[in-house]
Amino acid sequence: MLRIITYGDERLTKRASVVADIDRIIVEFAEALTEAMHQGNGIGLAGPQVGELKRLFVCHVTGDVPRVFINPEIIQTSPTQVTYEEGCLSIPGIYADVVRPEAVTVQAWNEKGRPFKLDAEGVLARVVQHEIDHLNGVLFLDHLSEKKRERLVKLYTKRAESECASSSQPLRR
């Protein structure tokens, strides 16, 4: 099982490399990524979130099929921008409203090595944009004002320290 890395790990801020060959190893990685996403109760997960700097992400939005995007590129965005509350498996417990284009057209390759183009709107468009950001070393927090980002990072750090302290407490009988 893949382990999802969390905020503070420098790999989350690095740009992922292009996948040169869609081979058995990449297909197995996409399957493991999908499993990790489902285990984490997420709707999207990118390679960098498990420490693999590969341009690959998976998503599974309610009412849709699980999807694999290898070397994805957004080739068109709608002029209409919408606000939606986002969270991230790499920043557990933190949520914020983020403004993004309402719809996008993305081109990528699937796990069978076939190119495809997808017009996405609503939550699917949101997930595609969020996950492509991960491939570029961008977190949803980076879309927020500096003041809001600092407040949420402080809240996340406080929660993480609290959880760490409580898990290291000796058991009392």
N, C-alpha and C. Protein backbone atom coordinates (compact mmCIF):
# COMPACT_ATOMS: atom_id res chain seq x y z
N MET A 1 0.85 -1.19 0.00
CA MET A 1 0.00 0.00 0.00
C MET A 1 0.89 1.25 0.00
N LEU A 2 0.56 2.18 -0.87
CA LEU A 2 1.30 3.43 -0.94
C LEU A 2 0.96 4.32 0.26
N ARG A 3 1.95 5.06 0.72
CA ARG A 3 1.75 5.98 1.84
C ARG A 3 1.64 7.40 1.29
N ILE A 4 0.57 8.10 1.66
CA ILE A 4 0.36 9.47 1.22
C ILE A 4 1.21 10.39 2.08
N ILE A 5 2.06 11.19 1.42
CA ILE A 5 2.90 12.13 2.16
C ILE A 5 2.09 13.39 2.47
N THR A 6 2.52 14.12 3.48
CA THR A 6 1.74 15.27 3.93
C THR A 6 2.53 16.57 3.85
N TYR A 7 1.79 17.63 4.04
CA TYR A 7 2.31 18.99 3.95
C TYR A 7 3.62 19.11 4.74
N GLY A 8 4.58 19.77 4.12
CA GLY A 8 5.89 19.93 4.72
C GLY A 8 6.93 19.07 4.01
N ASP A 9 6.48 18.00 3.35
CA ASP A 9 7.39 17.16 2.58
C ASP A 9 7.71 17.92 1.29
N GLU A 10 8.99 18.15 1.06
CA GLU A 10 9.40 18.98 -0.09
C GLU A 10 9.02 18.39 -1.44
N ARG A 11 8.76 17.10 -1.52
CA ARG A 11 8.36 16.50 -2.80
C ARG A 11 7.04 17.07 -3.30
N LEU A 12 6.21 17.57 -2.39
CA LEU A 12 4.93 18.17 -2.79
C LEU A 12 5.12 19.50 -3.53
N THR A 13 6.31 20.07 -3.47
CA THR A 13 6.57 21.35 -4.13
C THR A 13 7.41 21.21 -5.39
N LYS A 14 7.69 19.98 -5.79
CA LYS A 14 8.52 19.72 -6.97
C LYS A 14 7.66 19.42 -8.19
N ARG A 15 8.17 19.77 -9.36
CA ARG A 15 7.50 19.46 -10.62
C ARG A 15 7.77 18.01 -10.98
N ALA A 16 6.73 17.29 -11.34
CA ALA A 16 6.85 15.87 -11.70
C ALA A 16 7.39 15.73 -13.12
N SER A 17 8.05 14.61 -13.37
CA SER A 17 8.64 14.31 -14.68
C SER A 17 7.64 13.59 -15.58
N VAL A 18 7.79 13.81 -16.87
CA VAL A 18 6.96 13.16 -17.87
C VAL A 18 7.17 11.65 -17.80
N VAL A 19 6.07 10.91 -17.94
CA VAL A 19 6.14 9.46 -18.01
C VAL A 19 6.53 9.10 -19.44
N ALA A 20 7.70 8.47 -19.60
CA ALA A 20 8.22 8.16 -20.94
C ALA A 20 7.52 6.95 -21.57
N ASP A 21 7.30 5.91 -20.78
CA ASP A 21 6.68 4.69 -21.29
C ASP A 21 5.53 4.27 -20.39
N ILE A 22 4.43 3.93 -20.99
CA ILE A 22 3.30 3.40 -20.22
C ILE A 22 3.43 1.88 -20.26
N ASP A 23 4.19 1.39 -19.28
CA ASP A 23 4.48 -0.04 -19.20
C ASP A 23 3.77 -0.67 -18.00
N ARG A 24 4.09 -1.91 -17.74
CA ARG A 24 3.46 -2.64 -16.63
C ARG A 24 3.69 -1.93 -15.29
N ILE A 25 4.88 -1.37 -15.11
CA ILE A 25 5.20 -0.69 -13.85
C ILE A 25 4.29 0.52 -13.66
N ILE A 26 4.06 1.29 -14.71
CA ILE A 26 3.18 2.47 -14.63
C ILE A 26 1.74 2.03 -14.39
N VAL A 27 1.30 0.99 -15.06
CA VAL A 27 -0.07 0.49 -14.87
C VAL A 27 -0.27 0.03 -13.43
N GLU A 28 0.71 -0.70 -12.88
CA GLU A 28 0.61 -1.16 -11.49
C GLU A 28 0.65 0.02 -10.53
N PHE A 29 1.45 1.04 -10.85
CA PHE A 29 1.49 2.24 -10.02
C PHE A 29 0.13 2.94 -10.03
N ALA A 30 -0.49 3.05 -11.20
CA ALA A 30 -1.83 3.68 -11.30
C ALA A 30 -2.84 2.90 -10.47
N GLU A 31 -2.76 1.58 -10.51
CA GLU A 31 -3.67 0.74 -9.71
C GLU A 31 -3.44 0.96 -8.22
N ALA A 32 -2.19 1.02 -7.80
CA ALA A 32 -1.87 1.25 -6.39
C ALA A 32 -2.29 2.65 -5.96
N LEU A 33 -2.13 3.61 -6.85
CA LEU A 33 -2.53 4.99 -6.57
C LEU A 33 -4.05 5.06 -6.37
N THR A 34 -4.78 4.35 -7.22
CA THR A 34 -6.25 4.32 -7.10
C THR A 34 -6.65 3.69 -5.77
N GLU A 35 -5.99 2.61 -5.41
CA GLU A 35 -6.29 1.95 -4.14
C GLU A 35 -6.00 2.88 -2.95
N ALA A 36 -4.87 3.58 -3.00
CA ALA A 36 -4.53 4.52 -1.92
C ALA A 36 -5.54 5.66 -1.84
N MET A 37 -5.99 6.14 -3.00
CA MET A 37 -7.00 7.21 -3.04
C MET A 37 -8.29 6.73 -2.37
N HIS A 38 -8.74 5.52 -2.72
CA HIS A 38 -9.96 4.98 -2.13
C HIS A 38 -9.79 4.75 -0.63
N GLN A 39 -8.63 4.21 -0.22
CA GLN A 39 -8.36 3.98 1.20
C GLN A 39 -8.40 5.29 1.99
N GLY A 40 -7.93 6.36 1.37
CA GLY A 40 -7.92 7.67 2.01
C GLY A 40 -9.23 8.42 1.89
N ASN A 41 -10.23 7.79 1.27
CA ASN A 41 -11.53 8.43 1.04
C ASN A 41 -11.40 9.72 0.23
N GLY A 42 -10.48 9.70 -0.74
CA GLY A 42 -10.30 10.87 -1.60
C GLY A 42 -10.97 10.68 -2.94
N ILE A 43 -10.97 11.74 -3.73
CA ILE A 43 -11.54 11.67 -5.08
C ILE A 43 -10.48 11.95 -6.14
N GLY A 44 -9.24 12.15 -5.70
CA GLY A 44 -8.13 12.34 -6.61
C GLY A 44 -6.82 12.14 -5.87
N LEU A 45 -5.81 11.66 -6.59
CA LEU A 45 -4.49 11.48 -5.98
C LEU A 45 -3.45 11.49 -7.09
N ALA A 46 -2.39 12.25 -6.88
CA ALA A 46 -1.33 12.40 -7.88
C ALA A 46 -0.05 11.72 -7.40
N GLY A 47 0.77 11.32 -8.36
CA GLY A 47 2.04 10.67 -8.06
C GLY A 47 2.86 11.36 -6.97
N PRO A 48 3.07 12.68 -7.07
CA PRO A 48 3.87 13.35 -6.04
C PRO A 48 3.32 13.20 -4.61
N GLN A 49 2.03 12.95 -4.48
CA GLN A 49 1.44 12.80 -3.15
C GLN A 49 1.83 11.50 -2.47
N VAL A 50 2.43 10.60 -3.22
CA VAL A 50 2.96 9.37 -2.62
C VAL A 50 4.48 9.32 -2.82
N GLY A 51 5.06 10.47 -3.13
CA GLY A 51 6.50 10.58 -3.25
C GLY A 51 7.07 10.20 -4.60
N GLU A 52 6.22 9.92 -5.59
CA GLU A 52 6.68 9.57 -6.94
C GLU A 52 6.48 10.77 -7.86
N LEU A 53 7.58 11.38 -8.27
CA LEU A 53 7.49 12.58 -9.10
C LEU A 53 7.28 12.21 -10.56
N LYS A 54 6.12 11.60 -10.81
CA LYS A 54 5.71 11.20 -12.16
C LYS A 54 4.44 11.95 -12.52
N ARG A 55 4.29 12.34 -13.78
CA ARG A 55 3.12 13.10 -14.24
C ARG A 55 1.97 12.14 -14.47
N LEU A 56 1.37 11.73 -13.39
CA LEU A 56 0.27 10.78 -13.42
C LEU A 56 -0.64 11.06 -12.23
N PHE A 57 -1.95 11.05 -12.48
CA PHE A 57 -2.89 11.12 -11.37
C PHE A 57 -4.11 10.26 -11.67
N VAL A 58 -4.83 9.94 -10.61
CA VAL A 58 -6.07 9.18 -10.73
C VAL A 58 -7.17 9.98 -10.06
N CYS A 59 -8.41 9.72 -10.49
CA CYS A 59 -9.55 10.33 -9.80
C CYS A 59 -10.77 9.43 -9.93
N HIS A 60 -11.65 9.61 -8.98
CA HIS A 60 -12.92 8.87 -8.99
C HIS A 60 -13.96 9.76 -8.31
N VAL A 61 -14.66 10.49 -9.13
CA VAL A 61 -15.69 11.41 -8.68
C VAL A 61 -17.02 10.65 -8.60
N THR A 62 -17.79 10.92 -7.59
CA THR A 62 -19.10 10.28 -7.42
C THR A 62 -19.91 10.38 -8.71
N GLY A 63 -20.46 9.25 -9.15
CA GLY A 63 -21.28 9.21 -10.36
C GLY A 63 -20.46 9.03 -11.63
N ASP A 64 -19.15 8.89 -11.50
CA ASP A 64 -18.28 8.72 -12.67
C ASP A 64 -17.45 7.45 -12.46
N VAL A 65 -16.74 7.06 -13.47
CA VAL A 65 -15.86 5.89 -13.39
C VAL A 65 -14.49 6.34 -12.88
N PRO A 66 -13.71 5.43 -12.28
CA PRO A 66 -12.34 5.79 -11.92
C PRO A 66 -11.56 6.11 -13.21
N ARG A 67 -10.71 7.12 -13.14
CA ARG A 67 -9.97 7.55 -14.33
C ARG A 67 -8.48 7.66 -14.02
N VAL A 68 -7.66 7.38 -15.04
CA VAL A 68 -6.22 7.52 -14.95
C VAL A 68 -5.80 8.57 -15.99
N PHE A 69 -4.98 9.51 -15.58
CA PHE A 69 -4.47 10.57 -16.46
C PHE A 69 -2.95 10.51 -16.42
N ILE A 70 -2.33 10.18 -17.55
CA ILE A 70 -0.88 10.14 -17.64
C ILE A 70 -0.43 11.28 -18.55
N ASN A 71 0.53 12.05 -18.08
CA ASN A 71 1.04 13.23 -18.80
C ASN A 71 -0.11 14.17 -19.22
N PRO A 72 -0.98 14.52 -18.28
CA PRO A 72 -2.12 15.37 -18.63
C PRO A 72 -1.74 16.82 -18.90
N GLU A 73 -2.51 17.44 -19.77
CA GLU A 73 -2.36 18.86 -20.08
C GLU A 73 -3.73 19.48 -20.23
N ILE A 74 -3.94 20.59 -19.56
CA ILE A 74 -5.19 21.33 -19.77
C ILE A 74 -4.98 22.17 -21.03
N ILE A 75 -5.85 21.96 -22.01
CA ILE A 75 -5.68 22.67 -23.29
C ILE A 75 -6.71 23.78 -23.47
N GLN A 76 -7.71 23.81 -22.59
CA GLN A 76 -8.71 24.88 -22.66
C GLN A 76 -9.38 25.02 -21.31
N THR A 77 -9.70 26.26 -20.94
CA THR A 77 -10.45 26.52 -19.71
C THR A 77 -11.62 27.44 -20.03
N SER A 78 -12.66 27.30 -19.26
CA SER A 78 -13.82 28.17 -19.46
C SER A 78 -13.51 29.55 -18.89
N PRO A 79 -14.12 30.58 -19.44
CA PRO A 79 -13.90 31.92 -18.89
C PRO A 79 -14.60 32.10 -17.53
N THR A 80 -15.60 31.27 -17.27
CA THR A 80 -16.35 31.37 -16.02
C THR A 80 -15.55 30.75 -14.88
N GLN A 81 -15.38 31.51 -13.81
CA GLN A 81 -14.67 31.04 -12.63
C GLN A 81 -15.71 30.76 -11.53
N VAL A 82 -15.46 29.70 -10.76
CA VAL A 82 -16.37 29.36 -9.66
C VAL A 82 -15.55 29.08 -8.40
N THR A 83 -16.20 29.30 -7.27
CA THR A 83 -15.60 29.03 -5.97
C THR A 83 -16.13 27.71 -5.46
N TYR A 84 -15.24 26.90 -4.91
CA TYR A 84 -15.62 25.59 -4.38
C TYR A 84 -14.67 25.25 -3.24
N GLU A 85 -15.19 24.64 -2.20
CA GLU A 85 -14.34 24.26 -1.08
C GLU A 85 -13.50 23.04 -1.44
N GLU A 86 -12.18 23.17 -1.29
CA GLU A 86 -11.26 22.09 -1.59
C GLU A 86 -10.56 21.61 -0.33
N GLY A 87 -10.19 20.36 -0.36
CA GLY A 87 -9.36 19.75 0.66
C GLY A 87 -8.32 18.93 -0.07
N CYS A 88 -7.46 18.24 0.68
CA CYS A 88 -6.39 17.49 0.05
C CYS A 88 -5.94 16.37 0.98
N LEU A 89 -5.74 15.19 0.42
CA LEU A 89 -5.27 14.06 1.22
C LEU A 89 -3.88 14.33 1.80
N SER A 90 -3.12 15.24 1.21
CA SER A 90 -1.80 15.58 1.73
C SER A 90 -1.84 16.70 2.76
N ILE A 91 -3.00 17.28 2.98
CA ILE A 91 -3.17 18.32 4.01
C ILE A 91 -4.46 17.98 4.76
N PRO A 92 -4.49 16.83 5.44
CA PRO A 92 -5.74 16.35 6.05
C PRO A 92 -6.34 17.33 7.06
N GLY A 93 -7.66 17.46 6.96
CA GLY A 93 -8.40 18.29 7.91
C GLY A 93 -8.45 19.76 7.58
N ILE A 94 -7.82 20.18 6.50
CA ILE A 94 -7.79 21.60 6.12
C ILE A 94 -8.61 21.77 4.83
N TYR A 95 -9.50 22.74 4.86
CA TYR A 95 -10.37 23.02 3.71
C TYR A 95 -10.43 24.52 3.49
N ALA A 96 -10.58 24.92 2.23
CA ALA A 96 -10.71 26.34 1.92
C ALA A 96 -11.38 26.51 0.57
N ASP A 97 -12.05 27.65 0.40
CA ASP A 97 -12.66 27.98 -0.88
C ASP A 97 -11.58 28.42 -1.86
N VAL A 98 -11.60 27.81 -3.05
CA VAL A 98 -10.62 28.12 -4.09
C VAL A 98 -11.39 28.48 -5.36
N VAL A 99 -10.94 29.52 -6.04
CA VAL A 99 -11.55 29.94 -7.30
C VAL A 99 -10.77 29.31 -8.45
N ARG A 100 -11.52 28.63 -9.34
CA ARG A 100 -10.91 27.99 -10.52
C ARG A 100 -11.90 28.09 -11.68
N PRO A 101 -11.42 27.83 -12.91
CA PRO A 101 -12.34 27.76 -14.04
C PRO A 101 -13.40 26.68 -13.82
N GLU A 102 -14.62 26.96 -14.26
CA GLU A 102 -15.74 26.05 -14.07
C GLU A 102 -15.60 24.77 -14.90
N ALA A 103 -14.97 24.88 -16.08
CA ALA A 103 -14.82 23.73 -16.97
C ALA A 103 -13.44 23.77 -17.62
N VAL A 104 -12.94 22.58 -17.95
CA VAL A 104 -11.65 22.47 -18.63
C VAL A 104 -11.71 21.37 -19.68
N THR A 105 -10.84 21.48 -20.65
CA THR A 105 -10.60 20.38 -21.57
C THR A 105 -9.18 19.91 -21.29
N VAL A 106 -9.06 18.62 -21.06
CA VAL A 106 -7.76 18.04 -20.73
C VAL A 106 -7.43 16.94 -21.75
N GLN A 107 -6.16 16.86 -22.11
CA GLN A 107 -5.73 15.73 -22.93
C GLN A 107 -4.66 14.98 -22.13
N ALA A 108 -4.68 13.66 -22.29
CA ALA A 108 -3.76 12.81 -21.53
C ALA A 108 -3.72 11.44 -22.20
N TRP A 109 -3.03 10.52 -21.57
CA TRP A 109 -3.02 9.13 -21.99
C TRP A 109 -3.62 8.31 -20.85
N ASN A 110 -4.30 7.23 -21.20
CA ASN A 110 -4.86 6.36 -20.16
C ASN A 110 -3.87 5.24 -19.87
N GLU A 111 -4.26 4.34 -18.96
CA GLU A 111 -3.38 3.25 -18.55
C GLU A 111 -3.13 2.21 -19.65
N LYS A 112 -3.90 2.29 -20.73
CA LYS A 112 -3.69 1.39 -21.86
C LYS A 112 -2.78 2.02 -22.91
N GLY A 113 -2.28 3.22 -22.62
CA GLY A 113 -1.39 3.89 -23.56
C GLY A 113 -2.10 4.61 -24.67
N ARG A 114 -3.41 4.82 -24.50
CA ARG A 114 -4.20 5.49 -25.55
C ARG A 114 -4.42 6.96 -25.18
N PRO A 115 -4.18 7.85 -26.15
CA PRO A 115 -4.45 9.26 -25.88
C PRO A 115 -5.96 9.51 -25.84
N PHE A 116 -6.35 10.48 -25.03
CA PHE A 116 -7.76 10.87 -24.99
C PHE A 116 -7.85 12.35 -24.66
N LYS A 117 -9.02 12.89 -24.97
CA LYS A 117 -9.35 14.27 -24.64
C LYS A 117 -10.65 14.22 -23.87
N LEU A 118 -10.76 15.01 -22.81
CA LEU A 118 -11.95 15.00 -21.96
C LEU A 118 -12.39 16.42 -21.66
N ASP A 119 -13.68 16.70 -21.90
CA ASP A 119 -14.29 17.96 -21.47
C ASP A 119 -14.87 17.71 -20.09
N ALA A 120 -14.34 18.39 -19.09
CA ALA A 120 -14.78 18.18 -17.71
C ALA A 120 -15.37 19.47 -17.16
N GLU A 121 -16.42 19.29 -16.37
CA GLU A 121 -17.02 20.44 -15.69
C GLU A 121 -17.38 20.02 -14.28
N GLY A 122 -17.76 21.00 -13.48
CA GLY A 122 -18.15 20.71 -12.11
C GLY A 122 -17.02 20.12 -11.28
N VAL A 123 -17.35 19.14 -10.44
CA VAL A 123 -16.37 18.54 -9.53
C VAL A 123 -15.24 17.86 -10.30
N LEU A 124 -15.54 17.21 -11.40
CA LEU A 124 -14.50 16.55 -12.19
C LEU A 124 -13.48 17.58 -12.70
N ALA A 125 -13.94 18.71 -13.19
CA ALA A 125 -13.03 19.77 -13.65
C ALA A 125 -12.18 20.27 -12.49
N ARG A 126 -12.79 20.39 -11.34
CA ARG A 126 -12.08 20.84 -10.13
C ARG A 126 -10.96 19.87 -9.77
N VAL A 127 -11.28 18.57 -9.76
CA VAL A 127 -10.29 17.55 -9.40
C VAL A 127 -9.16 17.53 -10.42
N VAL A 128 -9.47 17.60 -11.70
CA VAL A 128 -8.44 17.61 -12.74
C VAL A 128 -7.47 18.77 -12.49
N GLN A 129 -7.99 19.95 -12.23
CA GLN A 129 -7.14 21.12 -12.01
C GLN A 129 -6.30 20.96 -10.74
N HIS A 130 -6.93 20.47 -9.67
CA HIS A 130 -6.25 20.28 -8.39
C HIS A 130 -5.09 19.28 -8.55
N GLU A 131 -5.35 18.17 -9.23
CA GLU A 131 -4.32 17.14 -9.39
C GLU A 131 -3.21 17.58 -10.34
N ILE A 132 -3.55 18.28 -11.40
CA ILE A 132 -2.50 18.80 -12.29
C ILE A 132 -1.63 19.81 -11.53
N ASP A 133 -2.23 20.58 -10.64
CA ASP A 133 -1.43 21.45 -9.78
C ASP A 133 -0.39 20.64 -9.02
N HIS A 134 -0.81 19.49 -8.46
CA HIS A 134 0.16 18.64 -7.74
C HIS A 134 1.32 18.24 -8.64
N LEU A 135 1.04 17.95 -9.90
CA LEU A 135 2.09 17.56 -10.83
C LEU A 135 3.07 18.70 -11.09
N ASN A 136 2.62 19.92 -10.83
CA ASN A 136 3.45 21.11 -11.04
C ASN A 136 4.02 21.65 -9.73
N GLY A 137 3.85 20.90 -8.64
CA GLY A 137 4.38 21.33 -7.35
C GLY A 137 3.56 22.42 -6.67
N VAL A 138 2.28 22.53 -7.03
CA VAL A 138 1.40 23.56 -6.49
C VAL A 138 0.34 22.90 -5.60
N LEU A 139 0.11 23.47 -4.43
CA LEU A 139 -0.93 23.00 -3.52
C LEU A 139 -2.12 23.94 -3.57
N PHE A 140 -3.29 23.46 -3.17
CA PHE A 140 -4.46 24.34 -3.20
C PHE A 140 -4.26 25.55 -2.30
N LEU A 141 -3.44 25.42 -1.27
CA LEU A 141 -3.14 26.56 -0.38
C LEU A 141 -2.47 27.70 -1.14
N ASP A 142 -1.74 27.36 -2.21
CA ASP A 142 -1.04 28.37 -3.00
C ASP A 142 -1.99 29.29 -3.76
N HIS A 143 -3.25 28.90 -3.86
CA HIS A 143 -4.25 29.72 -4.55
C HIS A 143 -4.93 30.72 -3.60
N LEU A 144 -4.58 30.67 -2.33
CA LEU A 144 -5.21 31.52 -1.33
C LEU A 144 -4.39 32.77 -1.08
N SER A 145 -5.03 33.76 -0.44
CA SER A 145 -4.28 34.95 -0.04
C SER A 145 -3.23 34.54 0.98
N GLU A 146 -2.18 35.31 1.07
CA GLU A 146 -1.08 34.99 2.00
C GLU A 146 -1.60 34.87 3.44
N LYS A 147 -2.47 35.78 3.82
CA LYS A 147 -3.00 35.79 5.19
C LYS A 147 -3.80 34.51 5.48
N LYS A 148 -4.66 34.13 4.56
CA LYS A 148 -5.48 32.93 4.75
C LYS A 148 -4.60 31.68 4.75
N ARG A 149 -3.64 31.64 3.84
CA ARG A 149 -2.72 30.49 3.77
C ARG A 149 -1.95 30.35 5.08
N GLU A 150 -1.42 31.44 5.59
CA GLU A 150 -0.66 31.40 6.86
C GLU A 150 -1.54 30.89 8.00
N ARG A 151 -2.78 31.34 8.04
CA ARG A 151 -3.70 30.92 9.11
C ARG A 151 -3.97 29.41 9.02
N LEU A 152 -4.20 28.91 7.81
CA LEU A 152 -4.48 27.48 7.64
C LEU A 152 -3.24 26.62 7.89
N VAL A 153 -2.07 27.09 7.50
CA VAL A 153 -0.83 26.35 7.77
C VAL A 153 -0.61 26.27 9.29
N LYS A 154 -0.86 27.37 9.97
CA LYS A 154 -0.71 27.38 11.43
C LYS A 154 -1.70 26.39 12.06
N LEU A 155 -2.93 26.38 11.60
CA LEU A 155 -3.94 25.45 12.11
C LEU A 155 -3.52 24.00 11.83
N TYR A 156 -3.04 23.73 10.61
CA TYR A 156 -2.61 22.38 10.25
C TYR A 156 -1.44 21.95 11.14
N THR A 157 -0.46 22.83 11.30
CA THR A 157 0.72 22.51 12.11
C THR A 157 0.33 22.22 13.55
N LYS A 158 -0.56 23.02 14.08
CA LYS A 158 -1.02 22.83 15.47
C LYS A 158 -1.72 21.47 15.61
N ARG A 159 -2.59 21.13 14.65
CA ARG A 159 -3.28 19.83 14.69
C ARG A 159 -2.30 18.68 14.57
N ALA A 160 -1.33 18.81 13.65
CA ALA A 160 -0.36 17.75 13.43
C ALA A 160 0.50 17.53 14.67
N GLU A 161 0.92 18.63 15.31
CA GLU A 161 1.72 18.52 16.54
C GLU A 161 0.90 17.89 17.65
N SER A 162 -0.37 18.27 17.75
CA SER A 162 -1.25 17.71 18.77
C SER A 162 -1.45 16.21 18.57
N GLU A 163 -1.66 15.79 17.33
CA GLU A 163 -1.84 14.37 17.03
C GLU A 163 -0.57 13.59 17.31
N CYS A 164 0.57 14.18 16.98
CA CYS A 164 1.85 13.53 17.21
C CYS A 164 2.09 13.37 18.71
N ALA A 165 1.80 14.41 19.49
CA ALA A 165 1.99 14.36 20.94
C ALA A 165 1.07 13.33 21.58
N SER A 166 -0.18 13.28 21.11
CA SER A 166 -1.12 12.33 21.73
C SER A 166 -0.79 10.89 21.36
N SER A 167 -0.20 10.67 20.20
CA SER A 167 0.12 9.30 19.80
C SER A 167 1.39 8.80 20.49
N SER A 168 2.21 9.71 21.01
CA SER A 168 3.44 9.27 21.67
C SER A 168 3.28 9.18 23.18
N GLN A 169 2.09 9.46 23.69
CA GLN A 169 1.83 9.34 25.12
C GLN A 169 1.86 7.88 25.54
N PRO A 170 2.48 7.56 26.67
CA PRO A 170 2.48 6.18 27.12
C PRO A 170 1.07 5.75 27.54
N LEU A 171 0.79 4.48 27.35
CA LEU A 171 -0.52 3.95 27.76
C LEU A 171 -0.55 3.82 29.27
N ARG A 172 -1.65 4.20 29.85
CA ARG A 172 -1.81 4.09 31.31
C ARG A 172 -2.80 2.99 31.61
N ARG A 173 -2.51 2.22 32.61
CA ARG A 173 -3.41 1.12 32.99
C ARG A 173 -4.11 1.43 34.28
